[in-house]
C-alpha atoms as a PDB file:
ATOM      1  CA  MET A   1       1.866  22.313   7.873  1.00  0.00           C
ATOM      2  CA  LYS A   2       5.598  22.214   6.199  1.00  0.00           C
ATOM      3  CA  LYS A   3       6.417  18.154   6.967  1.00  0.00           C
ATOM      4  CA  LEU A   4       4.912  15.110   7.840  1.00  0.00           C
ATOM      5  CA  ASN A   5       6.618  12.983  10.766  1.00  0.00           C
ATOM      6  CA  LEU A   6       6.251   9.525  11.641  1.00  0.00           C
ATOM      7  CA  ASN A   7       3.374  10.554  14.057  1.00  0.00           C
ATOM      8  CA  ASP A   8       1.834  12.355  11.761  1.00  0.00           C
ATOM      9  CA  ILE A   9       1.898   9.171   9.027  1.00  0.00           C
ATOM     10  CA  LYS A  10      -0.088   7.070  12.063  1.00  0.00           C
ATOM     11  CA  GLU A  11      -2.816   9.344  12.475  1.00  0.00           C
ATOM     12  CA  ILE A  12      -3.079   9.372   8.263  1.00  0.00           C
ATOM     13  CA  PHE A  13      -3.345   5.621   8.493  1.00  0.00           C
ATOM     14  CA  ARG A  14      -6.029   6.091  11.258  1.00  0.00           C
ATOM     15  CA  ILE A  15      -8.352   8.264   8.477  1.00  0.00           C
ATOM     16  CA  ILE A  16      -7.472   5.703   5.765  1.00  0.00           C
ATOM     17  CA  SER A  17      -8.941   3.122   7.625  1.00  0.00           C
ATOM     18  CA  LYS A  18     -11.995   5.213   8.468  1.00  0.00           C
ATOM     19  CA  LYS A  19     -12.044   5.875   4.700  1.00  0.00           C
ATOM     20  CA  MET A  20     -12.158   2.340   3.734  1.00  0.00           C
ATOM     21  CA  ASP A  21     -14.774   1.576   6.521  1.00  0.00           C
ATOM     22  CA  GLU A  22     -16.933   4.293   5.004  1.00  0.00           C
ATOM     23  CA  ASN A  23     -16.553   3.249   1.537  1.00  0.00           C
ATOM     24  CA  ARG A  24     -16.704  -0.697   1.963  1.00  0.00           C
ATOM     25  CA  ASP A  25     -20.188  -1.152   0.296  1.00  0.00           C
ATOM     26  CA  TYR A  26     -19.112   1.012  -2.650  1.00  0.00           C
ATOM     27  CA  LEU A  27     -15.792  -0.922  -3.272  1.00  0.00           C
ATOM     28  CA  VAL A  28     -17.757  -4.171  -3.110  1.00  0.00           C
ATOM     29  CA  GLU A  29     -20.153  -2.655  -5.600  1.00  0.00           C
ATOM     30  CA  LEU A  30     -17.251  -1.634  -7.829  1.00  0.00           C
ATOM     31  CA  ASP A  31     -15.643  -4.735  -7.449  1.00  0.00           C
ATOM     32  CA  SER A  32     -18.396  -6.915  -7.929  1.00  0.00           C
ATOM     33  CA  LYS A  33     -18.828  -5.536 -11.442  1.00  0.00           C
ATOM     34  CA  ALA A  34     -15.531  -7.241 -12.464  1.00  0.00           C
ATOM     35  CA  GLY A  35     -13.665  -8.816 -10.116  1.00  0.00           C
ATOM     36  CA  ASP A  36     -14.359 -11.180  -6.901  1.00  0.00           C
ATOM     37  CA  GLY A  37     -16.525  -8.502  -4.975  1.00  0.00           C
ATOM     38  CA  ASP A  38     -14.174  -8.593  -1.940  1.00  0.00           C
ATOM     39  CA  LEU A  39     -12.408  -5.394  -2.385  1.00  0.00           C
ATOM     40  CA  GLY A  40     -14.210  -3.329   0.275  1.00  0.00           C
ATOM     41  CA  ILE A  41     -14.167  -5.921   2.832  1.00  0.00           C
ATOM     42  CA  SER A  42     -10.518  -6.797   2.354  1.00  0.00           C
ATOM     43  CA  MET A  43      -9.361  -3.333   2.080  1.00  0.00           C
ATOM     44  CA  SER A  44     -11.299  -2.319   5.564  1.00  0.00           C
ATOM     45  CA  ALA A  45      -9.987  -5.354   7.329  1.00  0.00           C
ATOM     46  CA  GLY A  46      -6.188  -4.753   6.089  1.00  0.00           C
ATOM     47  CA  PHE A  47      -6.230  -1.040   7.219  1.00  0.00           C
ATOM     48  CA  ARG A  48      -7.991  -1.561  10.718  1.00  0.00           C
ATOM     49  CA  ALA A  49      -5.313  -4.486  11.095  1.00  0.00           C
ATOM     50  CA  VAL A  50      -2.405  -1.755  11.043  1.00  0.00           C
ATOM     51  CA  LEU A  51      -3.932   0.333  13.710  1.00  0.00           C
ATOM     52  CA  GLU A  52      -3.762  -2.965  15.800  1.00  0.00           C
ATOM     53  CA  SER A  53      -0.516  -4.236  14.685  1.00  0.00           C
ATOM     54  CA  GLU A  54       3.095  -3.511  15.457  1.00  0.00           C
ATOM     55  CA  ALA A  55       3.570  -0.958  13.026  1.00  0.00           C
ATOM     56  CA  MET A  56       1.865   1.500  15.694  1.00  0.00           C
ATOM     57  CA  GLU A  57       4.902   0.797  17.509  1.00  0.00           C
ATOM     58  CA  MET A  58       7.663   1.292  14.912  1.00  0.00           C
ATOM     59  CA  ASP A  59       9.999   4.430  15.153  1.00  0.00           C
ATOM     60  CA  ASN A  60      11.195   5.066  11.649  1.00  0.00           C
ATOM     61  CA  PHE A  61       9.522   5.198   8.242  1.00  0.00           C
ATOM     62  CA  LYS A  62      10.609   2.307   6.649  1.00  0.00           C
ATOM     63  CA  ARG A  63       9.769  -0.279   9.747  1.00  0.00           C
ATOM     64  CA  PHE A  64       6.412   1.561   9.735  1.00  0.00           C
ATOM     65  CA  PHE A  65       5.657   0.726   6.329  1.00  0.00           C
ATOM     66  CA  MET A  66       7.057  -2.693   6.171  1.00  0.00           C
ATOM     67  CA  ASN A  67       4.802  -4.118   9.416  1.00  0.00           C
ATOM     68  CA  ALA A  68       1.937  -1.962   7.769  1.00  0.00           C
ATOM     69  CA  GLY A  69       2.559  -3.727   4.752  1.00  0.00           C
ATOM     70  CA  MET A  70       2.562  -7.193   6.420  1.00  0.00           C
ATOM     71  CA  ALA A  71      -0.397  -6.505   8.522  1.00  0.00           C
ATOM     72  CA  ILE A  72      -2.527  -5.682   5.143  1.00  0.00           C
ATOM     73  CA  ASN A  73      -1.226  -8.903   3.808  1.00  0.00           C
ATOM     74  CA  GLU A  74      -2.090 -11.187   6.395  1.00  0.00           C
ATOM     75  CA  ALA A  75      -5.533  -9.226   7.131  1.00  0.00           C
ATOM     76  CA  SER A  76      -6.647  -9.230   3.739  1.00  0.00           C
ATOM     77  CA  PRO A  77      -5.235 -12.508   1.441  1.00  0.00           C
ATOM     78  CA  SER A  78      -6.525 -10.606  -2.172  1.00  0.00           C
ATOM     79  CA  SER A  79      -4.798  -9.559  -4.721  1.00  0.00           C
ATOM     80  CA  LEU A  80      -4.772  -5.883  -3.635  1.00  0.00           C
ATOM     81  CA  GLY A  81      -3.787  -6.828  -0.143  1.00  0.00           C
ATOM     82  CA  THR A  82      -0.704  -8.116  -1.825  1.00  0.00           C
ATOM     83  CA  ILE A  83      -0.297  -5.266  -3.852  1.00  0.00           C
ATOM     84  CA  MET A  84      -0.294  -2.975  -1.191  1.00  0.00           C
ATOM     85  CA  PHE A  85       2.284  -5.072   0.720  1.00  0.00           C
ATOM     86  CA  MET A  86       4.588  -4.666  -2.362  1.00  0.00           C
ATOM     87  CA  GLY A  87       3.719  -0.829  -2.322  1.00  0.00           C
ATOM     88  CA  LEU A  88       4.104   0.023   0.997  1.00  0.00           C
ATOM     89  CA  LEU A  89       7.636  -2.148   1.276  1.00  0.00           C
ATOM     90  CA  GLY A  90       8.872   0.051  -1.809  1.00  0.00           C
ATOM     91  CA  GLY A  91       7.447   3.333  -0.550  1.00  0.00           C
ATOM     92  CA  GLY A  92       8.904   2.727   2.440  1.00  0.00           C
ATOM     93  CA  LYS A  93      12.563   1.842   1.108  1.00  0.00           C
ATOM     94  CA  ALA A  94      12.621   4.983  -0.797  1.00  0.00           C
ATOM     95  CA  ILE A  95      12.060   7.156   1.982  1.00  0.00           C
ATOM     96  CA  ALA A  96      14.165   5.116   4.494  1.00  0.00           C
ATOM     97  CA  SER A  97      16.839   7.979   4.999  1.00  0.00           C
ATOM     98  CA  CYS A  98      14.064  10.767   5.466  1.00  0.00           C
ATOM     99  CA  GLU A  99      13.208  11.960   9.232  1.00  0.00           C
ATOM    100  CA  ASP A 100      10.417  13.679   7.829  1.00  0.00           C
ATOM    101  CA  LEU A 101       8.261  14.182   4.508  1.00  0.00           C
ATOM    102  CA  GLY A 102       7.675  17.325   2.529  1.00  0.00           C
ATOM    103  CA  SER A 103       5.795  17.189  -1.031  1.00  0.00           C
ATOM    104  CA  ARG A 104       8.959  15.917  -2.706  1.00  0.00           C
ATOM    105  CA  GLU A 105       9.558  13.044  -0.185  1.00  0.00           C
ATOM    106  CA  LEU A 106       5.934  12.226   0.022  1.00  0.00           C
ATOM    107  CA  GLY A 107       6.164  12.015  -3.925  1.00  0.00           C
ATOM    108  CA  GLU A 108       9.338   9.868  -3.549  1.00  0.00           C
ATOM    109  CA  PHE A 109       7.432   7.544  -1.643  1.00  0.00           C
ATOM    110  CA  PHE A 110       4.517   7.023  -3.726  1.00  0.00           C
ATOM    111  CA  ARG A 111       6.977   6.936  -6.741  1.00  0.00           C
ATOM    112  CA  GLY A 112       8.780   3.912  -4.973  1.00  0.00           C
ATOM    113  CA  TRP A 113       5.347   2.719  -4.065  1.00  0.00           C
ATOM    114  CA  ALA A 114       4.495   2.559  -7.605  1.00  0.00           C
ATOM    115  CA  ASP A 115       7.815   1.348  -9.080  1.00  0.00           C
ATOM    116  CA  ALA A 116       7.884  -1.979  -6.959  1.00  0.00           C
ATOM    117  CA  ILE A 117       4.631  -2.965  -8.168  1.00  0.00           C
ATOM    118  CA  MET A 118       5.347  -2.126 -11.556  1.00  0.00           C
ATOM    119  CA  THR A 119       8.513  -4.297 -11.027  1.00  0.00           C
ATOM    120  CA  LYS A 120       7.030  -7.407  -9.320  1.00  0.00           C
ATOM    121  CA  THR A 121       3.889  -7.280 -11.667  1.00  0.00           C
ATOM    122  CA  GLY A 122       4.778  -6.184 -15.018  1.00  0.00           C
ATOM    123  CA  SER A 123       1.845  -3.603 -14.715  1.00  0.00           C
ATOM    124  CA  LYS A 124       2.086  -0.152 -15.724  1.00  0.00           C
ATOM    125  CA  ALA A 125      -0.161   3.052 -15.917  1.00  0.00           C
ATOM    126  CA  GLY A 126      -3.184   2.824 -18.862  1.00  0.00           C
ATOM    127  CA  GLU A 127      -3.906  -0.640 -17.513  1.00  0.00           C
ATOM    128  CA  LYS A 128      -6.962  -0.094 -15.387  1.00  0.00           C
ATOM    129  CA  THR A 129      -5.264  -0.467 -11.938  1.00  0.00           C
ATOM    130  CA  ILE A 130      -4.415   1.358  -8.849  1.00  0.00           C
ATOM    131  CA  LEU A 131      -1.255   2.862 -10.529  1.00  0.00           C
ATOM    132  CA  ASP A 132      -3.589   5.000 -12.501  1.00  0.00           C
ATOM    133  CA  ALA A 133      -4.337   6.886  -9.491  1.00  0.00           C
ATOM    134  CA  VAL A 134      -0.888   6.791  -7.543  1.00  0.00           C
ATOM    135  CA  LEU A 135       1.264   7.810 -10.400  1.00  0.00           C
ATOM    136  CA  PRO A 136      -0.480  10.999 -11.580  1.00  0.00           C
ATOM    137  CA  GLY A 137      -0.313  11.817  -7.669  1.00  0.00           C
ATOM    138  CA  ALA A 138       2.862  11.142  -7.032  1.00  0.00           C
ATOM    139  CA  GLU A 139       4.106  12.981 -10.409  1.00  0.00           C
ATOM    140  CA  VAL A 140       2.349  16.095  -9.049  1.00  0.00           C
ATOM    141  CA  LEU A 141       3.881  15.953  -5.641  1.00  0.00           C
ATOM    142  CA  LEU A 142       7.688  15.528  -6.803  1.00  0.00           C
ATOM    143  CA  SER A 143       7.028  18.619  -8.980  1.00  0.00           C
ATOM    144  CA  SER A 144       5.862  20.990  -5.960  1.00  0.00           C
ATOM    145  CA  ASP A 145       7.654  22.357  -2.982  1.00  0.00           C
ATOM    146  CA  ASP A 146       4.555  23.297  -1.079  1.00  0.00           C
ATOM    147  CA  LEU A 147       2.950  20.265   1.057  1.00  0.00           C
ATOM    148  CA  GLU A 148      -0.432  21.830   1.409  1.00  0.00           C
ATOM    149  CA  ASP A 149      -1.000  22.974  -2.283  1.00  0.00           C
ATOM    150  CA  GLY A 150       1.358  19.612  -3.592  1.00  0.00           C
ATOM    151  CA  ILE A 151      -1.182  16.894  -1.845  1.00  0.00           C
ATOM    152  CA  LYS A 152      -4.501  19.104  -2.682  1.00  0.00           C
ATOM    153  CA  LYS A 153      -3.363  18.813  -6.194  1.00  0.00           C
ATOM    154  CA  ALA A 154      -2.036  15.135  -6.270  1.00  0.00           C
ATOM    155  CA  TYR A 155      -5.336  14.287  -4.696  1.00  0.00           C
ATOM    156  CA  GLU A 156      -7.256  15.720  -7.663  1.00  0.00           C
ATOM    157  CA  ALA A 157      -4.831  14.385 -10.007  1.00  0.00           C
ATOM    158  CA  SER A 158      -5.496  10.972  -8.454  1.00  0.00           C
ATOM    159  CA  GLU A 159      -9.232  11.457  -8.727  1.00  0.00           C
ATOM    160  CA  LYS A 160      -8.736  12.168 -12.248  1.00  0.00           C
ATOM    161  CA  GLY A 161      -6.525   9.069 -12.930  1.00  0.00           C
ATOM    162  CA  MET A 162      -9.577   7.176 -11.146  1.00  0.00           C
ATOM    163  CA  LEU A 163     -12.156   8.574 -13.424  1.00  0.00           C
ATOM    164  CA  SER A 164     -10.089   7.686 -16.472  1.00  0.00           C
ATOM    165  CA  THR A 165     -10.087   3.962 -15.955  1.00  0.00           C
ATOM    166  CA  LYS A 166     -13.544   4.089 -17.091  1.00  0.00           C
ATOM    167  CA  GLU A 167     -12.233   4.448 -20.674  1.00  0.00           C
ATOM    168  CA  MET A 168      -9.637   1.506 -20.219  1.00  0.00           C
ATOM    169  CA  LYS A 169      -9.826  -1.927 -20.828  1.00  0.00           C
ATOM    170  CA  ALA A 170      -8.667  -4.187 -18.056  1.00  0.00           C
ATOM    171  CA  VAL A 171      -5.598  -6.279 -18.426  1.00  0.00           C
ATOM    172  CA  HIS A 172      -4.796  -7.852 -15.072  1.00  0.00           C
ATOM    173  CA  GLY A 173      -6.670  -9.761 -12.494  1.00  0.00           C
ATOM    174  CA  ARG A 174      -9.968 -11.141 -12.716  1.00  0.00           C
ATOM    175  CA  ALA A 175     -11.310  -7.866 -14.766  1.00  0.00           C
ATOM    176  CA  ALA A 176      -9.458  -8.883 -17.353  1.00  0.00           C
ATOM    177  CA  TYR A 177     -11.557 -11.890 -18.369  1.00  0.00           C
ATOM    178  CA  TYR A 178     -14.259  -9.247 -19.103  1.00  0.00           C
ATOM    179  CA  GLN A 179     -12.204  -7.900 -22.101  1.00  0.00           C
ATOM    180  CA  GLU A 180     -14.029  -5.037 -23.828  1.00  0.00           C
ATOM    181  CA  LYS A 181     -17.221  -5.121 -21.362  1.00  0.00           C
ATOM    182  CA  SER A 182     -14.681  -3.795 -18.666  1.00  0.00           C
ATOM    183  CA  ILE A 183     -14.607  -0.270 -20.441  1.00  0.00           C
ATOM    184  CA  GLY A 184     -17.177   1.889 -18.849  1.00  0.00           C
ATOM    185  CA  LEU A 185     -16.484   0.703 -15.565  1.00  0.00           C
ATOM    186  CA  GLN A 186     -14.627   2.580 -12.845  1.00  0.00           C
ATOM    187  CA  ASP A 187     -11.380   0.664 -11.440  1.00  0.00           C
ATOM    188  CA  GLY A 188     -11.738  -0.413  -7.893  1.00  0.00           C
ATOM    189  CA  GLY A 189      -8.242  -0.343  -7.246  1.00  0.00           C
ATOM    190  CA  ALA A 190      -7.751   2.955  -8.670  1.00  0.00           C
ATOM    191  CA  THR A 191     -10.427   4.052  -6.452  1.00  0.00           C
ATOM    192  CA  VAL A 192      -8.696   2.678  -3.437  1.00  0.00           C
ATOM    193  CA  GLY A 193      -5.638   4.580  -4.702  1.00  0.00           C
ATOM    194  CA  MET A 194      -7.722   7.947  -4.766  1.00  0.00           C
ATOM    195  CA  LEU A 195      -8.926   7.003  -1.089  1.00  0.00           C
ATOM    196  CA  LEU A 196      -5.267   7.180  -0.123  1.00  0.00           C
ATOM    197  CA  PHE A 197      -4.566  10.698  -1.495  1.00  0.00           C
ATOM    198  CA  GLN A 198      -8.073  11.736  -0.104  1.00  0.00           C
ATOM    199  CA  SER A 199      -7.117  11.215   3.500  1.00  0.00           C
ATOM    200  CA  ILE A 200      -3.691  12.549   3.177  1.00  0.00           C
ATOM    201  CA  ASN A 201      -5.228  15.717   1.781  1.00  0.00           C
ATOM    202  CA  GLU A 202      -7.731  15.946   4.479  1.00  0.00           C
ATOM    203  CA  TYR A 203      -5.257  15.494   7.444  1.00  0.00           C
ATOM    204  CA  ILE A 204      -2.925  18.347   5.910  1.00  0.00           C
ATOM    205  CA  ASN A 205      -5.745  20.562   4.353  1.00  0.00           C
ATOM    206  CA  GLY A 206      -8.650  19.656   6.661  1.00  0.00           C
END
């Protein structure tokens, strides 16, 4: 597979939705240790809502991601639901002129996704958030010319970034109340970020 078209992206969202359903209880468990405990519920509901929304009828990347973000935000009224909306909107704008996505364009999407979140929230890498999984994956994709190899390595980088959150102290959201006690815990948001890359890798590389 050389490039991803919009139909490919819609199929990837079906995989992501299934992943969020399968990992619902795991995400709830992670979030319960230093959060509201609703992460798995909100992400499962949010991505399922995308499949039932107008996003699946859209004919270009920008409109698809905008509608997908709105569907998630409406179906999962949580902090990560809002962050997903910000990210999808920013990512969609970054690739608005693209007709298909290779490794670098997919990297531009995730970089735009992360930039939008950092601009809106003031967060950055190393603060125990979803960014710690998304940014490493984005950087790998941006430096790759091969979609299959690029997404495989991006998934590995996102997983490594997710695991690195165990050593970080939370500075955002409810987890920040736990201060030093948050060290040693894997961040639920970063786990969601890893699942995004895992889903894309499964679609592309089987």
